[in-house]
N, C-alpha and C. Protein backbone atom coordinates (compact mmCIF):
# COMPACT_ATOMS: atom_id res chain seq x y z
N MET A 1 -4.91 14.96 33.11
CA MET A 1 -5.33 13.57 33.29
C MET A 1 -4.64 12.52 32.43
N GLY A 2 -3.58 13.39 31.82
CA GLY A 2 -2.82 12.23 31.06
C GLY A 2 -1.89 11.49 31.49
N ILE A 3 -1.08 10.85 30.76
CA ILE A 3 0.12 9.94 31.35
C ILE A 3 1.36 10.85 31.93
N SER A 4 1.90 10.70 33.14
CA SER A 4 2.90 11.51 33.45
C SER A 4 4.22 10.79 33.05
N ILE A 5 5.34 11.31 32.91
CA ILE A 5 6.42 10.89 32.78
C ILE A 5 6.94 9.80 33.69
N TRP A 6 6.49 9.78 34.92
CA TRP A 6 6.77 8.72 35.86
C TRP A 6 5.90 7.38 35.64
N GLN A 7 4.78 7.71 35.22
CA GLN A 7 4.01 6.58 35.02
C GLN A 7 4.68 5.91 33.76
N LEU A 8 5.09 6.75 32.97
CA LEU A 8 5.46 5.91 31.62
C LEU A 8 6.70 5.20 31.75
N LEU A 9 7.55 5.89 32.62
CA LEU A 9 8.80 5.07 33.20
C LEU A 9 8.79 3.83 33.75
N ILE A 10 7.76 3.95 34.58
CA ILE A 10 7.42 2.64 35.30
C ILE A 10 6.71 1.50 34.51
N VAL A 11 6.02 2.02 33.46
CA VAL A 11 5.29 1.00 32.42
C VAL A 11 6.57 0.28 31.80
N LEU A 12 7.51 1.28 31.32
CA LEU A 12 8.60 0.98 30.43
C LEU A 12 9.63 0.05 31.30
N VAL A 13 9.74 0.13 32.54
CA VAL A 13 10.69 -0.77 33.31
C VAL A 13 9.93 -2.17 33.46
N ILE A 14 8.67 -1.99 33.87
CA ILE A 14 8.10 -3.51 33.86
C ILE A 14 8.08 -4.11 32.65
N VAL A 15 7.81 -3.44 31.43
CA VAL A 15 8.10 -4.24 30.20
C VAL A 15 9.56 -4.68 29.81
N LEU A 16 10.48 -3.85 30.26
CA LEU A 16 11.96 -4.51 30.27
C LEU A 16 12.26 -5.73 30.98
N LEU A 17 11.42 -5.68 32.30
CA LEU A 17 11.72 -6.69 33.13
C LEU A 17 10.98 -8.07 32.57
N LEU A 18 9.69 -7.90 32.06
CA LEU A 18 9.12 -9.10 31.57
C LEU A 18 9.61 -9.43 30.47
N PHE A 19 10.24 -8.83 29.51
CA PHE A 19 10.46 -9.36 28.29
C PHE A 19 12.09 -9.46 28.19
N GLY A 20 12.71 -8.69 28.79
CA GLY A 20 14.25 -8.74 28.65
C GLY A 20 14.79 -8.09 27.41
N THR A 21 16.11 -7.52 27.63
CA THR A 21 16.68 -6.65 26.35
C THR A 21 16.65 -7.39 25.28
N LYS A 22 17.07 -8.81 25.28
CA LYS A 22 17.25 -9.49 23.92
C LYS A 22 15.78 -9.63 23.09
N LYS A 23 14.86 -9.92 23.66
CA LYS A 23 13.49 -9.94 23.17
C LYS A 23 13.18 -8.80 22.70
N LEU A 24 13.33 -7.65 23.56
CA LEU A 24 12.92 -6.44 22.95
C LEU A 24 13.63 -6.01 21.73
N ARG A 25 14.98 -6.13 21.55
CA ARG A 25 15.87 -6.07 20.55
C ARG A 25 15.39 -6.59 19.28
N ASN A 26 14.94 -7.97 19.50
CA ASN A 26 14.61 -8.84 18.29
C ASN A 26 13.20 -8.09 17.88
N MET A 27 12.24 -7.75 18.88
CA MET A 27 10.89 -7.08 18.26
C MET A 27 11.20 -5.82 17.68
N GLY A 28 12.11 -5.00 17.96
CA GLY A 28 12.59 -3.83 17.38
C GLY A 28 12.85 -4.09 15.96
N GLY A 29 13.80 -5.15 15.79
CA GLY A 29 14.38 -5.48 14.45
C GLY A 29 13.25 -5.94 13.56
N ASP A 30 12.36 -6.70 14.15
CA ASP A 30 11.18 -7.33 13.38
C ASP A 30 10.45 -6.16 12.92
N LEU A 31 10.24 -5.26 13.79
CA LEU A 31 9.25 -4.13 13.45
C LEU A 31 10.02 -3.14 12.33
N GLY A 32 11.35 -2.92 12.60
CA GLY A 32 12.09 -2.31 11.35
C GLY A 32 11.93 -2.75 10.11
N ALA A 33 12.01 -4.47 9.88
CA ALA A 33 11.75 -5.21 8.88
C ALA A 33 10.57 -4.81 8.26
N ALA A 34 9.40 -5.00 9.19
CA ALA A 34 8.13 -4.93 8.55
C ALA A 34 7.86 -3.64 7.95
N ILE A 35 8.34 -2.65 8.51
CA ILE A 35 8.13 -1.03 8.10
C ILE A 35 8.89 -1.11 6.57
N ARG A 36 10.13 -1.60 6.73
CA ARG A 36 10.77 -1.59 5.21
C ARG A 36 10.08 -2.33 4.21
N ASN A 37 9.55 -3.43 4.59
CA ASN A 37 8.71 -4.32 3.60
C ASN A 37 7.40 -3.46 3.32
N PHE A 38 6.83 -3.08 4.08
CA PHE A 38 5.58 -2.14 3.91
C PHE A 38 5.73 -0.82 3.09
N ARG A 39 6.92 -0.20 3.17
CA ARG A 39 7.38 1.00 2.35
C ARG A 39 7.52 0.24 0.89
N GLY A 40 8.36 -0.85 0.85
CA GLY A 40 8.69 -1.38 -0.33
C GLY A 40 7.59 -1.74 -1.39
N ALA A 41 6.23 -2.30 -0.66
CA ALA A 41 5.25 -2.43 -1.20
C ALA A 41 4.57 -1.52 -1.68
N VAL A 42 4.44 -0.50 -0.78
CA VAL A 42 3.81 0.71 -1.22
C VAL A 42 4.48 1.38 -2.70
N LYS A 43 5.73 1.41 -2.35
CA LYS A 43 6.43 2.03 -3.59
C LYS A 43 6.33 1.29 -4.80
N GLU A 44 6.16 -0.10 -4.80
CA GLU A 44 6.04 -1.09 -5.93
C GLU A 44 4.44 -0.91 -6.44
N GLY A 45 3.44 -0.92 -5.47
CA GLY A 45 2.25 -0.40 -5.82
C GLY A 45 1.89 0.86 -6.52
N GLY A 46 2.78 1.75 -6.30
CA GLY A 46 2.67 3.14 -6.94
C GLY A 46 3.23 2.98 -8.32
N ASP A 47 4.29 2.14 -8.46
CA ASP A 47 4.91 1.97 -9.77
C ASP A 47 3.91 1.20 -10.64
N GLU A 48 3.28 0.26 -10.29
CA GLU A 48 2.20 -0.45 -10.95
C GLU A 48 1.08 0.21 -11.35
N ALA A 49 0.81 1.44 -10.67
CA ALA A 49 -0.42 2.32 -10.85
C ALA A 49 0.10 3.27 -11.69
N LYS A 50 1.36 3.75 -11.93
CA LYS A 50 2.03 4.60 -12.96
C LYS A 50 2.05 3.95 -14.39
N GLU A 51 2.51 2.67 -14.23
CA GLU A 51 2.57 1.81 -15.58
C GLU A 51 1.07 1.77 -15.92
N ALA A 52 0.07 1.28 -15.23
CA ALA A 52 -1.31 1.28 -15.83
C ALA A 52 -1.99 2.40 -16.36
N ALA A 53 -1.54 3.61 -15.61
CA ALA A 53 -2.00 4.83 -16.19
C ALA A 53 -1.23 5.24 -17.67
N GLU A 54 -0.07 4.84 -17.63
CA GLU A 54 0.51 4.99 -18.85
C GLU A 54 0.13 4.26 -19.94
N THR A 55 -0.31 2.89 -19.69
CA THR A 55 -1.02 2.04 -20.60
C THR A 55 -2.38 2.46 -21.00
N ALA A 56 -3.09 3.01 -20.05
CA ALA A 56 -4.38 3.46 -20.42
C ALA A 56 -4.39 4.63 -21.39
N ARG A 57 -3.25 5.49 -21.03
CA ARG A 57 -3.23 6.71 -22.01
C ARG A 57 -2.57 6.27 -23.28
N ILE A 58 -1.69 5.28 -23.58
CA ILE A 58 -1.55 4.67 -24.95
C ILE A 58 -2.86 4.26 -25.45
N ASP A 59 -3.58 3.42 -24.75
CA ASP A 59 -4.88 2.85 -25.24
C ASP A 59 -5.79 3.87 -25.81
N LYS A 60 -5.77 4.98 -25.06
CA LYS A 60 -6.77 6.29 -25.40
C LYS A 60 -6.27 6.76 -26.57
N ASP A 61 -4.95 6.88 -26.73
CA ASP A 61 -4.43 7.51 -27.97
C ASP A 61 -4.58 6.73 -29.34
N SER A 62 -4.71 5.41 -29.21
CA SER A 62 -5.02 4.74 -30.33
C SER A 62 -6.42 4.71 -30.60
N GLU A 63 -7.09 4.26 -31.80
CA GLU A 63 -8.19 4.15 -32.21
C GLU A 63 -9.21 3.35 -31.65
N PRO A 64 -10.21 3.78 -30.81
CA PRO A 64 -10.96 3.07 -30.11
C PRO A 64 -11.91 2.01 -30.79
N VAL A 65 -12.13 0.77 -30.26
CA VAL A 65 -13.15 -0.19 -31.16
C VAL A 65 -14.44 -0.13 -30.19
N PRO A 66 -15.38 0.21 -31.14
CA PRO A 66 -16.81 0.43 -30.11
C PRO A 66 -17.27 -0.89 -29.78
N ASP A 67 -18.03 -0.84 -28.69
CA ASP A 67 -18.41 -1.94 -28.38
C ASP A 67 -19.99 -2.08 -28.69
N ALA A 68 -20.75 -3.18 -28.57
CA ALA A 68 -21.92 -3.30 -29.04
C ALA A 68 -23.03 -2.40 -28.33
N ALA A 69 -22.82 -1.75 -27.28
CA ALA A 69 -23.69 -0.86 -26.77
C ALA A 69 -23.60 0.58 -27.42
N THR A 70 -22.43 0.70 -27.98
CA THR A 70 -22.41 2.09 -28.59
C THR A 70 -22.66 2.04 -30.01
N VAL A 71 -22.75 0.99 -30.60
CA VAL A 71 -22.87 1.00 -32.11
C VAL A 71 -24.46 0.98 -32.49
N SER A 72 -24.63 1.85 -33.15
CA SER A 72 -26.09 2.17 -33.84
C SER A 72 -26.68 1.01 -34.50
N ALA A 73 -28.17 1.14 -34.54
CA ALA A 73 -28.82 0.03 -35.23
C ALA A 73 -28.61 0.07 -36.59
N LYS A 74 -28.27 1.22 -37.31
CA LYS A 74 -27.92 1.16 -38.76
C LYS A 74 -26.43 0.74 -39.14
N GLU A 75 -25.61 0.95 -38.01
CA GLU A 75 -24.29 0.27 -38.39
C GLU A 75 -24.50 -1.01 -38.28
N ARG A 76 -25.29 -1.69 -37.29
CA ARG A 76 -25.55 -3.07 -37.44
C ARG A 76 -26.04 -3.81 -38.29
N GLU A 77 -26.85 -3.05 -39.06
CA GLU A 77 -27.60 -3.53 -40.30
C GLU A 77 -26.50 -3.87 -41.50
N SER A 78 -25.55 -2.69 -41.50
CA SER A 78 -24.82 -2.65 -42.62
C SER A 78 -23.51 -3.64 -42.65
N VAL A 79 -23.37 -4.39 -41.36
CA VAL A 79 -22.57 -5.32 -41.17
C VAL A 79 -22.89 -6.67 -41.69
């Protein structure tokens, strides 16, 4: 019950007649540019994630500053 090759060819011919070769070529180029931009954004986002992980690792290696929730009552009185 799937689409046969003949049905697919008929649909492709109809699309070609409706849009024409120039319009389809432009749509293909636009689709290619969109895919390239998407890949670039994904790669750029991955680079930012790596930088954030390195920054977090560097911050972790340095001496942590305790926040108010982790400071005991005795330490608060001495300050």
